[in-house]
Amino acid sequence: MKKLLAILCFAVLFLQQAFCQDTIIKRNGDEIQGKVKEISATEVRYTRKELPDVMVVLPVTSIFMIRYENGTKEVFQENNPANELQQLPAVSAPARVNAPAPVADKATGENLLLKGRNDANLYYKGYKGAGTATLLTTILFMPAGLVTAIGTSVTPPSRNNLDYPDAAMFSQREYAKGYEQKAKKIKSGKVWKNFGIGFGSLVVLNFIILSANQQ
């Protein structure tokens, strides 16, 4: 039994590494999954999972933030002529309530929507409970994990679990809309990633058990 548990833990850790990618978030809201290789004052070089040998280059001015696979974040200052980076530790939103955030020159609906999405990328952490529940239920009983994944991924995060940094800003409809949309997308992505890790771990474990029984 202990051996099987050790194998299962190893499979979970292995698949977590396989699923983990750096996320490059552009200023227009687009997201790119890949592995960041090099950052200079003017450009970021990265590779995509499907093309690990092809180096892709993006100008720093087009990038809002990089969220690394280990949870740390790097924010690129839009108006900093030296293109200096602000390193953000992976901490919960309350610890960063007073952190300065770039604001749009004109508070148009489009700018507020984009700012809401960008702030959700920075501060939203409320997906952890749903992701952990999905992973555990999938490992214990895969059909239950599937039901959990479907239920939690389609359910928007509760207002009390959004971790937004500024209540006054969140009271603006377009900002709140962008923040909530992005938070739901982040939650759904994390839930299904954990379902994939749990399901993959079961496949690996069953394959090992089957191979051992045939020997």
N, C-alpha and C. Protein backbone atom coordinates (compact mmCIF):
# COMPACT_ATOMS: atom_id res chain seq x y z
N MET A 1 0.82 -1.20 0.00
CA MET A 1 0.00 0.00 0.00
C MET A 1 0.87 1.27 0.00
N LYS A 2 1.91 1.27 0.84
CA LYS A 2 2.79 2.42 0.90
C LYS A 2 3.49 2.65 -0.44
N LYS A 3 3.83 1.54 -1.09
CA LYS A 3 4.49 1.64 -2.39
C LYS A 3 3.56 2.28 -3.42
N LEU A 4 2.28 1.88 -3.39
CA LEU A 4 1.31 2.44 -4.33
C LEU A 4 1.11 3.93 -4.08
N LEU A 5 1.06 4.32 -2.81
CA LEU A 5 0.90 5.73 -2.47
C LEU A 5 2.11 6.55 -2.95
N ALA A 6 3.29 5.96 -2.78
CA ALA A 6 4.50 6.65 -3.23
C ALA A 6 4.49 6.84 -4.75
N ILE A 7 4.04 5.79 -5.46
CA ILE A 7 3.95 5.87 -6.92
C ILE A 7 2.94 6.92 -7.34
N LEU A 8 1.80 6.96 -6.63
CA LEU A 8 0.77 7.94 -6.95
C LEU A 8 1.27 9.36 -6.72
N CYS A 9 1.97 9.59 -5.61
CA CYS A 9 2.52 10.92 -5.33
C CYS A 9 3.53 11.33 -6.40
N PHE A 10 4.36 10.37 -6.81
CA PHE A 10 5.34 10.66 -7.85
C PHE A 10 4.64 11.01 -9.16
N ALA A 11 3.56 10.28 -9.47
CA ALA A 11 2.83 10.55 -10.71
C ALA A 11 2.19 11.94 -10.68
N VAL A 12 1.63 12.31 -9.53
CA VAL A 12 1.02 13.63 -9.40
C VAL A 12 2.06 14.72 -9.61
N LEU A 13 3.21 14.59 -8.96
CA LEU A 13 4.27 15.59 -9.09
C LEU A 13 4.79 15.67 -10.51
N PHE A 14 4.96 14.51 -11.13
CA PHE A 14 5.45 14.47 -12.51
C PHE A 14 4.48 15.17 -13.46
N LEU A 15 3.19 14.88 -13.30
CA LEU A 15 2.20 15.47 -14.19
C LEU A 15 2.01 16.95 -13.92
N GLN A 16 2.18 17.37 -12.67
CA GLN A 16 2.12 18.81 -12.38
C GLN A 16 3.19 19.56 -13.16
N GLN A 17 4.40 18.98 -13.19
CA GLN A 17 5.47 19.62 -13.95
C GLN A 17 5.17 19.61 -15.44
N ALA A 18 4.56 18.51 -15.91
CA ALA A 18 4.24 18.41 -17.34
C ALA A 18 3.17 19.42 -17.75
N PHE A 19 2.20 19.69 -16.86
CA PHE A 19 1.12 20.61 -17.17
C PHE A 19 1.53 22.07 -16.97
N CYS A 20 2.54 22.32 -16.14
CA CYS A 20 2.91 23.68 -15.80
C CYS A 20 3.61 24.38 -16.95
N GLN A 21 3.19 25.59 -17.21
CA GLN A 21 3.82 26.42 -18.22
C GLN A 21 3.85 27.86 -17.70
N ASP A 22 4.78 28.65 -18.19
CA ASP A 22 4.75 30.07 -17.92
C ASP A 22 3.64 30.69 -18.76
N THR A 23 3.03 31.74 -18.24
CA THR A 23 1.96 32.44 -18.97
C THR A 23 2.38 33.88 -19.21
N ILE A 24 2.47 34.25 -20.48
CA ILE A 24 2.78 35.63 -20.86
C ILE A 24 1.45 36.33 -21.15
N ILE A 25 1.18 37.41 -20.42
CA ILE A 25 -0.06 38.15 -20.58
C ILE A 25 0.25 39.48 -21.26
N LYS A 26 -0.28 39.68 -22.44
CA LYS A 26 0.00 40.89 -23.21
C LYS A 26 -0.90 42.04 -22.75
N ARG A 27 -0.56 43.24 -23.12
CA ARG A 27 -1.31 44.41 -22.70
C ARG A 27 -2.71 44.45 -23.30
N ASN A 28 -2.93 43.77 -24.40
CA ASN A 28 -4.26 43.72 -24.99
C ASN A 28 -5.13 42.62 -24.41
N GLY A 29 -4.59 41.89 -23.39
CA GLY A 29 -5.36 40.84 -22.73
C GLY A 29 -5.08 39.44 -23.24
N ASP A 30 -4.38 39.29 -24.36
CA ASP A 30 -4.07 37.96 -24.89
C ASP A 30 -3.11 37.23 -23.95
N GLU A 31 -3.26 35.91 -23.89
CA GLU A 31 -2.38 35.08 -23.06
C GLU A 31 -1.64 34.07 -23.93
N ILE A 32 -0.38 33.85 -23.60
CA ILE A 32 0.46 32.91 -24.33
C ILE A 32 1.06 31.93 -23.34
N GLN A 33 0.87 30.64 -23.60
CA GLN A 33 1.45 29.59 -22.76
C GLN A 33 2.77 29.15 -23.37
N GLY A 34 3.79 29.08 -22.55
CA GLY A 34 5.10 28.66 -23.04
C GLY A 34 6.11 28.61 -21.92
N LYS A 35 7.38 28.64 -22.30
CA LYS A 35 8.48 28.61 -21.33
C LYS A 35 9.41 29.79 -21.63
N VAL A 36 9.45 30.74 -20.69
CA VAL A 36 10.28 31.92 -20.87
C VAL A 36 11.75 31.53 -20.72
N LYS A 37 12.55 31.90 -21.71
CA LYS A 37 13.96 31.54 -21.73
C LYS A 37 14.89 32.70 -21.40
N GLU A 38 14.51 33.89 -21.85
CA GLU A 38 15.42 35.03 -21.66
C GLU A 38 14.62 36.33 -21.66
N ILE A 39 14.99 37.24 -20.75
CA ILE A 39 14.35 38.56 -20.68
C ILE A 39 15.44 39.62 -20.73
N SER A 40 15.30 40.56 -21.66
CA SER A 40 16.22 41.68 -21.73
C SER A 40 15.43 42.97 -21.53
N ALA A 41 16.10 44.10 -21.66
CA ALA A 41 15.43 45.39 -21.48
C ALA A 41 14.44 45.69 -22.59
N THR A 42 14.56 45.00 -23.72
CA THR A 42 13.70 45.32 -24.87
C THR A 42 12.83 44.16 -25.35
N GLU A 43 13.16 42.93 -24.97
CA GLU A 43 12.41 41.80 -25.51
C GLU A 43 12.39 40.61 -24.56
N VAL A 44 11.41 39.74 -24.80
CA VAL A 44 11.27 38.48 -24.06
C VAL A 44 11.32 37.34 -25.07
N ARG A 45 12.17 36.37 -24.79
CA ARG A 45 12.30 35.19 -25.65
C ARG A 45 11.68 33.99 -24.94
N TYR A 46 10.85 33.24 -25.68
CA TYR A 46 10.19 32.08 -25.09
C TYR A 46 9.97 31.00 -26.14
N THR A 47 9.66 29.81 -25.67
CA THR A 47 9.31 28.70 -26.56
C THR A 47 7.92 28.20 -26.21
N ARG A 48 7.24 27.66 -27.19
CA ARG A 48 5.93 27.05 -26.96
C ARG A 48 6.09 25.56 -26.67
N LYS A 49 5.11 25.00 -25.94
CA LYS A 49 5.18 23.60 -25.56
C LYS A 49 5.24 22.70 -26.79
N GLU A 50 4.43 23.04 -27.81
CA GLU A 50 4.37 22.20 -29.00
C GLU A 50 5.58 22.37 -29.91
N LEU A 51 6.34 23.49 -29.74
CA LEU A 51 7.54 23.73 -30.55
C LEU A 51 8.69 24.15 -29.64
N PRO A 52 9.20 23.21 -28.84
CA PRO A 52 10.21 23.57 -27.83
C PRO A 52 11.54 24.03 -28.40
N ASP A 53 11.79 23.77 -29.69
CA ASP A 53 13.07 24.15 -30.29
C ASP A 53 12.99 25.47 -31.07
N VAL A 54 11.82 26.07 -31.11
CA VAL A 54 11.64 27.31 -31.86
C VAL A 54 11.54 28.47 -30.88
N MET A 55 12.46 29.43 -30.98
CA MET A 55 12.47 30.58 -30.10
C MET A 55 11.57 31.68 -30.67
N VAL A 56 10.68 32.19 -29.84
CA VAL A 56 9.78 33.27 -30.23
C VAL A 56 10.16 34.53 -29.45
N VAL A 57 10.11 35.68 -30.12
CA VAL A 57 10.53 36.94 -29.50
C VAL A 57 9.34 37.90 -29.45
N LEU A 58 9.13 38.52 -28.28
CA LEU A 58 8.11 39.55 -28.11
C LEU A 58 8.77 40.81 -27.55
N PRO A 59 8.35 41.98 -28.02
CA PRO A 59 8.88 43.22 -27.41
C PRO A 59 8.33 43.41 -26.01
N VAL A 60 9.14 43.91 -25.11
CA VAL A 60 8.72 44.14 -23.74
C VAL A 60 7.53 45.08 -23.68
N THR A 61 7.47 46.05 -24.57
CA THR A 61 6.40 47.04 -24.54
C THR A 61 5.02 46.44 -24.77
N SER A 62 4.95 45.22 -25.34
CA SER A 62 3.66 44.58 -25.60
C SER A 62 3.20 43.69 -24.45
N ILE A 63 4.04 43.54 -23.41
CA ILE A 63 3.77 42.59 -22.33
C ILE A 63 3.34 43.31 -21.06
N PHE A 64 2.25 42.84 -20.47
CA PHE A 64 1.80 43.37 -19.19
C PHE A 64 2.42 42.60 -18.02
N MET A 65 2.42 41.27 -18.10
CA MET A 65 2.90 40.48 -16.97
C MET A 65 3.29 39.08 -17.44
N ILE A 66 4.22 38.47 -16.73
CA ILE A 66 4.53 37.05 -16.90
C ILE A 66 4.22 36.35 -15.58
N ARG A 67 3.40 35.31 -15.66
CA ARG A 67 3.10 34.49 -14.50
C ARG A 67 3.85 33.16 -14.67
N TYR A 68 4.87 32.96 -13.83
CA TYR A 68 5.71 31.78 -13.97
C TYR A 68 5.03 30.55 -13.37
N GLU A 69 5.52 29.39 -13.78
CA GLU A 69 4.90 28.13 -13.35
C GLU A 69 4.95 27.93 -11.85
N ASN A 70 5.91 28.54 -11.15
CA ASN A 70 6.01 28.38 -9.70
C ASN A 70 5.13 29.36 -8.93
N GLY A 71 4.34 30.17 -9.64
CA GLY A 71 3.41 31.07 -8.98
C GLY A 71 3.88 32.50 -8.87
N THR A 72 5.17 32.77 -9.09
CA THR A 72 5.65 34.15 -9.02
C THR A 72 5.22 34.92 -10.27
N LYS A 73 5.18 36.24 -10.12
CA LYS A 73 4.72 37.09 -11.21
C LYS A 73 5.73 38.21 -11.45
N GLU A 74 5.81 38.64 -12.69
CA GLU A 74 6.70 39.74 -13.06
C GLU A 74 5.90 40.73 -13.89
N VAL A 75 5.76 41.94 -13.38
CA VAL A 75 4.97 42.97 -14.05
C VAL A 75 5.89 43.93 -14.79
N PHE A 76 5.54 44.23 -16.02
CA PHE A 76 6.34 45.14 -16.84
C PHE A 76 5.71 46.52 -16.81
N GLN A 77 6.49 47.50 -16.38
CA GLN A 77 5.99 48.87 -16.24
C GLN A 77 5.86 49.52 -17.62
N GLU A 78 4.66 49.91 -17.95
CA GLU A 78 4.38 50.43 -19.30
C GLU A 78 5.10 51.73 -19.58
N ASN A 79 5.17 52.62 -18.60
CA ASN A 79 5.73 53.95 -18.84
C ASN A 79 7.14 54.11 -18.31
N ASN A 80 7.82 52.99 -18.04
CA ASN A 80 9.18 53.06 -17.52
C ASN A 80 10.15 53.03 -18.69
N PRO A 81 10.85 54.13 -18.98
CA PRO A 81 11.74 54.16 -20.16
C PRO A 81 12.87 53.17 -20.07
N ALA A 82 13.25 52.78 -18.86
CA ALA A 82 14.34 51.81 -18.70
C ALA A 82 13.84 50.39 -18.77
N ASN A 83 12.50 50.22 -18.92
CA ASN A 83 11.90 48.89 -18.97
C ASN A 83 12.28 48.05 -17.76
N GLU A 84 12.31 48.68 -16.60
CA GLU A 84 12.62 47.93 -15.39
C GLU A 84 11.41 47.08 -15.02
N LEU A 85 11.66 45.97 -14.33
CA LEU A 85 10.62 45.03 -13.98
C LEU A 85 10.31 45.11 -12.50
N GLN A 86 9.06 44.87 -12.18
CA GLN A 86 8.63 44.82 -10.79
C GLN A 86 8.33 43.38 -10.43
N GLN A 87 9.14 42.79 -9.56
CA GLN A 87 8.96 41.39 -9.18
C GLN A 87 7.92 41.30 -8.08
N LEU A 88 6.90 40.48 -8.29
CA LEU A 88 5.84 40.33 -7.30
C LEU A 88 5.87 38.92 -6.74
N PRO A 89 5.96 38.76 -5.41
CA PRO A 89 5.90 37.42 -4.84
C PRO A 89 4.51 36.86 -4.95
N ALA A 90 4.39 35.52 -4.89
CA ALA A 90 3.09 34.87 -4.98
C ALA A 90 2.41 34.95 -3.62
N VAL A 91 1.79 36.10 -3.33
CA VAL A 91 1.11 36.29 -2.06
C VAL A 91 -0.35 36.59 -2.32
N SER A 92 -1.16 36.50 -1.28
CA SER A 92 -2.58 36.74 -1.43
C SER A 92 -2.84 38.22 -1.62
N ALA A 93 -4.00 38.55 -2.18
CA ALA A 93 -4.32 39.93 -2.49
C ALA A 93 -4.32 40.87 -1.29
N PRO A 94 -4.83 40.49 -0.10
CA PRO A 94 -4.86 41.43 1.01
C PRO A 94 -3.50 42.03 1.34
N ALA A 95 -2.42 41.26 1.11
CA ALA A 95 -1.08 41.76 1.42
C ALA A 95 -0.64 42.82 0.43
N ARG A 96 -1.38 42.98 -0.70
CA ARG A 96 -0.99 43.92 -1.74
C ARG A 96 -2.08 44.96 -1.99
N VAL A 97 -2.94 45.19 -1.00
CA VAL A 97 -4.07 46.09 -1.20
C VAL A 97 -3.61 47.48 -1.61
N ASN A 98 -2.52 47.97 -1.02
CA ASN A 98 -2.06 49.32 -1.30
C ASN A 98 -1.01 49.39 -2.41
N ALA A 99 -0.79 48.27 -3.11
CA ALA A 99 0.21 48.27 -4.17
C ALA A 99 -0.26 49.15 -5.32
N PRO A 100 0.63 49.98 -5.86
CA PRO A 100 0.23 50.85 -6.97
C PRO A 100 -0.03 50.04 -8.22
N ALA A 101 -1.02 50.44 -8.97
CA ALA A 101 -1.34 49.76 -10.21
C ALA A 101 -1.50 50.80 -11.30
N PRO A 102 -1.01 50.51 -12.52
CA PRO A 102 -1.15 51.48 -13.60
C PRO A 102 -2.61 51.70 -13.95
N VAL A 103 -3.00 52.92 -14.19
CA VAL A 103 -4.39 53.23 -14.52
C VAL A 103 -4.42 53.85 -15.91
N ALA A 104 -5.53 53.72 -16.54
CA ALA A 104 -5.68 54.28 -17.87
C ALA A 104 -5.82 55.79 -17.80
N ASP A 105 -5.34 56.48 -18.83
CA ASP A 105 -5.44 57.93 -18.86
C ASP A 105 -6.90 58.37 -18.90
N LYS A 106 -7.71 57.64 -19.62
CA LYS A 106 -9.13 57.95 -19.71
C LYS A 106 -9.91 56.73 -19.24
N ALA A 107 -10.81 56.97 -18.30
CA ALA A 107 -11.55 55.86 -17.71
C ALA A 107 -12.70 55.45 -18.62
N THR A 108 -12.38 55.06 -19.85
CA THR A 108 -13.40 54.58 -20.76
C THR A 108 -13.79 53.16 -20.37
N GLY A 109 -14.93 52.71 -20.89
CA GLY A 109 -15.38 51.36 -20.57
C GLY A 109 -14.38 50.31 -21.00
N GLU A 110 -13.75 50.50 -22.18
CA GLU A 110 -12.78 49.52 -22.67
C GLU A 110 -11.54 49.47 -21.78
N ASN A 111 -11.07 50.64 -21.34
CA ASN A 111 -9.91 50.67 -20.46
C ASN A 111 -10.20 50.03 -19.12
N LEU A 112 -11.37 50.30 -18.57
CA LEU A 112 -11.76 49.72 -17.28
C LEU A 112 -11.90 48.21 -17.39
N LEU A 113 -12.45 47.74 -18.51
CA LEU A 113 -12.59 46.30 -18.73
C LEU A 113 -11.24 45.62 -18.76
N LEU A 114 -10.30 46.22 -19.49
CA LEU A 114 -8.95 45.64 -19.59
C LEU A 114 -8.23 45.70 -18.25
N LYS A 115 -8.39 46.80 -17.54
CA LYS A 115 -7.75 46.91 -16.23
C LYS A 115 -8.31 45.87 -15.26
N GLY A 116 -9.61 45.63 -15.32
CA GLY A 116 -10.21 44.61 -14.48
C GLY A 116 -9.62 43.24 -14.75
N ARG A 117 -9.44 42.92 -16.03
CA ARG A 117 -8.84 41.63 -16.39
C ARG A 117 -7.40 41.53 -15.91
N ASN A 118 -6.64 42.61 -16.10
CA ASN A 118 -5.24 42.59 -15.67
C ASN A 118 -5.12 42.48 -14.16
N ASP A 119 -6.00 43.16 -13.43
CA ASP A 119 -5.96 43.07 -11.97
C ASP A 119 -6.33 41.66 -11.49
N ALA A 120 -7.25 41.01 -12.18
CA ALA A 120 -7.59 39.64 -11.81
C ALA A 120 -6.38 38.72 -11.98
N ASN A 121 -5.61 38.95 -13.04
CA ASN A 121 -4.38 38.18 -13.23
C ASN A 121 -3.41 38.40 -12.07
N LEU A 122 -3.40 39.60 -11.52
CA LEU A 122 -2.48 39.93 -10.44
C LEU A 122 -2.94 39.40 -9.09
N TYR A 123 -4.22 39.53 -8.80
CA TYR A 123 -4.67 39.36 -7.43
C TYR A 123 -5.55 38.13 -7.15
N TYR A 124 -6.26 37.62 -8.15
CA TYR A 124 -7.22 36.56 -7.87
C TYR A 124 -6.53 35.24 -7.53
N LYS A 125 -6.86 34.70 -6.34
CA LYS A 125 -6.30 33.42 -5.89
C LYS A 125 -7.40 32.47 -5.40
N GLY A 126 -8.65 32.85 -5.61
CA GLY A 126 -9.75 32.08 -5.03
C GLY A 126 -10.03 30.75 -5.69
N TYR A 127 -9.25 30.38 -6.70
CA TYR A 127 -9.46 29.12 -7.39
C TYR A 127 -8.88 27.92 -6.64
N LYS A 128 -8.07 28.17 -5.61
CA LYS A 128 -7.30 27.08 -5.00
C LYS A 128 -8.18 26.01 -4.37
N GLY A 129 -9.25 26.41 -3.70
CA GLY A 129 -10.13 25.43 -3.07
C GLY A 129 -10.78 24.52 -4.10
N ALA A 130 -11.30 25.11 -5.18
CA ALA A 130 -11.95 24.32 -6.23
C ALA A 130 -10.94 23.41 -6.92
N GLY A 131 -9.73 23.92 -7.16
CA GLY A 131 -8.71 23.11 -7.82
C GLY A 131 -8.27 21.93 -6.97
N THR A 132 -8.08 22.17 -5.69
CA THR A 132 -7.66 21.08 -4.79
C THR A 132 -8.76 20.03 -4.66
N ALA A 133 -10.01 20.48 -4.53
CA ALA A 133 -11.13 19.53 -4.41
C ALA A 133 -11.24 18.67 -5.66
N THR A 134 -11.04 19.27 -6.82
CA THR A 134 -11.11 18.52 -8.08
C THR A 134 -10.00 17.48 -8.16
N LEU A 135 -8.80 17.86 -7.79
CA LEU A 135 -7.67 16.93 -7.83
C LEU A 135 -7.90 15.73 -6.91
N LEU A 136 -8.31 15.99 -5.68
CA LEU A 136 -8.49 14.90 -4.71
C LEU A 136 -9.64 13.98 -5.09
N THR A 137 -10.77 14.55 -5.50
CA THR A 137 -11.90 13.69 -5.86
C THR A 137 -11.61 12.89 -7.12
N THR A 138 -10.84 13.45 -8.04
CA THR A 138 -10.49 12.70 -9.25
C THR A 138 -9.61 11.51 -8.92
N ILE A 139 -8.66 11.70 -8.02
CA ILE A 139 -7.77 10.60 -7.63
C ILE A 139 -8.54 9.52 -6.86
N LEU A 140 -9.46 9.95 -5.99
CA LEU A 140 -10.20 8.99 -5.18
C LEU A 140 -11.26 8.26 -5.99
N PHE A 141 -11.96 9.00 -6.88
CA PHE A 141 -13.03 8.39 -7.69
C PHE A 141 -13.25 9.28 -8.90
N MET A 142 -12.72 8.85 -10.03
CA MET A 142 -12.65 9.71 -11.21
C MET A 142 -14.00 10.29 -11.64
N PRO A 143 -15.11 9.50 -11.68
CA PRO A 143 -16.40 10.11 -12.06
C PRO A 143 -16.80 11.27 -11.16
N ALA A 144 -16.52 11.12 -9.86
CA ALA A 144 -16.83 12.21 -8.93
C ALA A 144 -15.96 13.42 -9.22
N GLY A 145 -14.70 13.17 -9.60
CA GLY A 145 -13.82 14.27 -9.97
C GLY A 145 -14.32 15.00 -11.19
N LEU A 146 -14.86 14.26 -12.17
CA LEU A 146 -15.39 14.88 -13.38
C LEU A 146 -16.59 15.77 -13.04
N VAL A 147 -17.46 15.26 -12.18
CA VAL A 147 -18.63 16.04 -11.77
C VAL A 147 -18.18 17.31 -11.04
N THR A 148 -17.18 17.15 -10.15
CA THR A 148 -16.66 18.31 -9.43
C THR A 148 -16.05 19.33 -10.37
N ALA A 149 -15.29 18.85 -11.36
CA ALA A 149 -14.67 19.76 -12.32
C ALA A 149 -15.71 20.53 -13.12
N ILE A 150 -16.73 19.83 -13.58
CA ILE A 150 -17.78 20.50 -14.37
C ILE A 150 -18.51 21.53 -13.51
N GLY A 151 -18.87 21.12 -12.28
CA GLY A 151 -19.63 22.01 -11.42
C GLY A 151 -18.86 23.25 -11.01
N THR A 152 -17.60 23.07 -10.63
CA THR A 152 -16.82 24.21 -10.15
C THR A 152 -16.34 25.10 -11.30
N SER A 153 -16.11 24.53 -12.47
CA SER A 153 -15.59 25.34 -13.58
C SER A 153 -16.66 26.25 -14.17
N VAL A 154 -17.91 25.85 -14.11
CA VAL A 154 -18.98 26.69 -14.68
C VAL A 154 -19.56 27.65 -13.65
N THR A 155 -19.18 27.48 -12.38
CA THR A 155 -19.69 28.35 -11.33
C THR A 155 -18.78 29.57 -11.17
N PRO A 156 -19.31 30.78 -11.33
CA PRO A 156 -18.46 31.98 -11.16
C PRO A 156 -17.95 32.07 -9.73
N PRO A 157 -16.77 32.63 -9.52
CA PRO A 157 -16.27 32.83 -8.16
C PRO A 157 -17.22 33.73 -7.38
N SER A 158 -17.38 33.45 -6.10
CA SER A 158 -18.25 34.28 -5.27
C SER A 158 -17.61 35.65 -5.07
N ARG A 159 -18.44 36.65 -4.83
CA ARG A 159 -17.96 38.02 -4.67
C ARG A 159 -16.97 38.12 -3.51
N ASN A 160 -17.20 37.35 -2.46
CA ASN A 160 -16.32 37.40 -1.29
C ASN A 160 -14.99 36.69 -1.51
N ASN A 161 -14.86 36.01 -2.65
CA ASN A 161 -13.67 35.21 -2.91
C ASN A 161 -12.88 35.74 -4.11
N LEU A 162 -13.14 36.97 -4.50
CA LEU A 162 -12.51 37.51 -5.71
C LEU A 162 -11.16 38.18 -5.44
N ASP A 163 -10.90 38.58 -4.21
CA ASP A 163 -9.61 39.18 -3.84
C ASP A 163 -9.31 40.47 -4.60
N TYR A 164 -10.31 41.20 -5.03
CA TYR A 164 -10.04 42.43 -5.77
C TYR A 164 -9.37 43.46 -4.86
N PRO A 165 -8.44 44.27 -5.40
CA PRO A 165 -7.60 45.13 -4.56
C PRO A 165 -8.24 46.45 -4.14
N ASP A 166 -9.30 46.89 -4.86
CA ASP A 166 -9.83 48.22 -4.61
C ASP A 166 -11.36 48.18 -4.73
N ALA A 167 -12.03 48.36 -3.60
CA ALA A 167 -13.50 48.30 -3.60
C ALA A 167 -14.11 49.43 -4.42
N ALA A 168 -13.51 50.61 -4.38
CA ALA A 168 -14.03 51.74 -5.14
C ALA A 168 -13.93 51.46 -6.65
N MET A 169 -12.81 50.91 -7.07
CA MET A 169 -12.65 50.57 -8.48
C MET A 169 -13.62 49.46 -8.88
N PHE A 170 -13.81 48.49 -7.99
CA PHE A 170 -14.68 47.36 -8.31
C PHE A 170 -16.14 47.80 -8.42
N SER A 171 -16.48 48.94 -7.84
CA SER A 171 -17.85 49.44 -7.93
C SER A 171 -18.17 49.95 -9.34
N GLN A 172 -17.15 50.13 -10.17
CA GLN A 172 -17.38 50.54 -11.55
C GLN A 172 -17.70 49.32 -12.40
N ARG A 173 -18.82 49.40 -13.09
CA ARG A 173 -19.40 48.22 -13.73
C ARG A 173 -18.46 47.54 -14.71
N GLU A 174 -17.80 48.29 -15.59
CA GLU A 174 -16.94 47.67 -16.60
C GLU A 174 -15.70 47.03 -15.97
N TYR A 175 -15.16 47.69 -14.96
CA TYR A 175 -14.01 47.10 -14.26
C TYR A 175 -14.41 45.78 -13.60
N ALA A 176 -15.53 45.79 -12.88
CA ALA A 176 -16.01 44.58 -12.21
C ALA A 176 -16.30 43.47 -13.22
N LYS A 177 -16.86 43.84 -14.36
CA LYS A 177 -17.16 42.86 -15.41
C LYS A 177 -15.88 42.19 -15.90
N GLY A 178 -14.86 43.01 -16.19
CA GLY A 178 -13.60 42.45 -16.66
C GLY A 178 -12.93 41.58 -15.61
N TYR A 179 -12.96 42.03 -14.37
CA TYR A 179 -12.33 41.27 -13.28
C TYR A 179 -13.04 39.93 -13.09
N GLU A 180 -14.37 39.94 -13.04
CA GLU A 180 -15.13 38.71 -12.81
C GLU A 180 -14.97 37.74 -13.97
N GLN A 181 -14.99 38.25 -15.21
CA GLN A 181 -14.81 37.37 -16.37
C GLN A 181 -13.45 36.67 -16.33
N LYS A 182 -12.41 37.45 -16.03
CA LYS A 182 -11.07 36.86 -16.00
C LYS A 182 -10.91 35.90 -14.83
N ALA A 183 -11.47 36.25 -13.67
CA ALA A 183 -11.38 35.36 -12.51
C ALA A 183 -12.05 34.02 -12.80
N LYS A 184 -13.21 34.05 -13.46
CA LYS A 184 -13.89 32.81 -13.81
C LYS A 184 -13.04 31.98 -14.77
N LYS A 185 -12.41 32.64 -15.74
CA LYS A 185 -11.57 31.93 -16.71
C LYS A 185 -10.37 31.30 -16.01
N ILE A 186 -9.75 32.04 -15.08
CA ILE A 186 -8.60 31.49 -14.34
C ILE A 186 -9.04 30.29 -13.52
N LYS A 187 -10.16 30.42 -12.82
CA LYS A 187 -10.67 29.32 -11.99
C LYS A 187 -10.94 28.08 -12.84
N SER A 188 -11.63 28.27 -13.96
CA SER A 188 -11.95 27.14 -14.84
C SER A 188 -10.69 26.46 -15.35
N GLY A 189 -9.70 27.25 -15.75
CA GLY A 189 -8.45 26.68 -16.25
C GLY A 189 -7.72 25.87 -15.20
N LYS A 190 -7.67 26.38 -13.97
CA LYS A 190 -6.99 25.67 -12.89
C LYS A 190 -7.72 24.39 -12.53
N VAL A 191 -9.05 24.44 -12.52
CA VAL A 191 -9.84 23.25 -12.18
C VAL A 191 -9.60 22.14 -13.20
N TRP A 192 -9.64 22.46 -14.48
CA TRP A 192 -9.47 21.43 -15.50
C TRP A 192 -8.03 20.94 -15.58
N LYS A 193 -7.09 21.81 -15.26
CA LYS A 193 -5.70 21.35 -15.19
C LYS A 193 -5.54 20.33 -14.08
N ASN A 194 -6.14 20.58 -12.93
CA ASN A 194 -6.05 19.63 -11.82
C ASN A 194 -6.79 18.34 -12.11
N PHE A 195 -7.90 18.44 -12.85
CA PHE A 195 -8.58 17.21 -13.26
C PHE A 195 -7.67 16.39 -14.17
N GLY A 196 -6.99 17.06 -15.10
CA GLY A 196 -6.06 16.35 -15.98
C GLY A 196 -4.92 15.71 -15.22
N ILE A 197 -4.41 16.40 -14.20
CA ILE A 197 -3.33 15.83 -13.39
C ILE A 197 -3.83 14.60 -12.63
N GLY A 198 -5.02 14.72 -12.03
CA GLY A 198 -5.58 13.59 -11.29
C GLY A 198 -5.87 12.40 -12.19
N PHE A 199 -6.46 12.65 -13.34
CA PHE A 199 -6.78 11.57 -14.27
C PHE A 199 -5.50 10.92 -14.80
N GLY A 200 -4.52 11.75 -15.14
CA GLY A 200 -3.25 11.20 -15.62
C GLY A 200 -2.55 10.37 -14.56
N SER A 201 -2.65 10.80 -13.30
CA SER A 201 -2.03 10.04 -12.22
C SER A 201 -2.68 8.66 -12.08
N LEU A 202 -4.01 8.60 -12.22
CA LEU A 202 -4.70 7.31 -12.16
C LEU A 202 -4.28 6.41 -13.31
N VAL A 203 -4.13 6.98 -14.50
CA VAL A 203 -3.71 6.18 -15.66
C VAL A 203 -2.32 5.60 -15.42
N VAL A 204 -1.41 6.43 -14.93
CA VAL A 204 -0.05 5.96 -14.65
C VAL A 204 -0.06 4.87 -13.59
N LEU A 205 -0.81 5.10 -12.52
CA LEU A 205 -0.87 4.12 -11.44
C LEU A 205 -1.46 2.80 -11.91
N ASN A 206 -2.54 2.84 -12.67
CA ASN A 206 -3.17 1.61 -13.17
C ASN A 206 -2.25 0.87 -14.13
N PHE A 207 -1.51 1.62 -14.93
CA PHE A 207 -0.57 0.98 -15.85
C PHE A 207 0.53 0.26 -15.08
N ILE A 208 1.03 0.89 -14.03
CA ILE A 208 2.08 0.26 -13.23
C ILE A 208 1.55 -1.00 -12.53
N ILE A 209 0.34 -0.90 -12.00
CA ILE A 209 -0.26 -2.06 -11.32
C ILE A 209 -0.47 -3.21 -12.31
N LEU A 210 -0.99 -2.87 -13.48
CA LEU A 210 -1.25 -3.89 -14.51
C LEU A 210 0.05 -4.54 -14.95
N SER A 211 1.09 -3.74 -15.14
CA SER A 211 2.38 -4.30 -15.55
C SER A 211 2.96 -5.20 -14.47
N ALA A 212 2.79 -4.81 -13.22
CA ALA A 212 3.31 -5.62 -12.11
C ALA A 212 2.56 -6.95 -12.03
N ASN A 213 1.26 -6.95 -12.27
CA ASN A 213 0.48 -8.19 -12.18
C ASN A 213 0.77 -9.16 -13.31
N GLN A 214 1.23 -8.63 -14.44
CA GLN A 214 1.53 -9.48 -15.58
C GLN A 214 2.91 -10.13 -15.50
N GLN A 215 3.70 -9.65 -14.58
CA GLN A 215 5.06 -10.22 -14.47
C GLN A 215 5.05 -11.53 -13.68
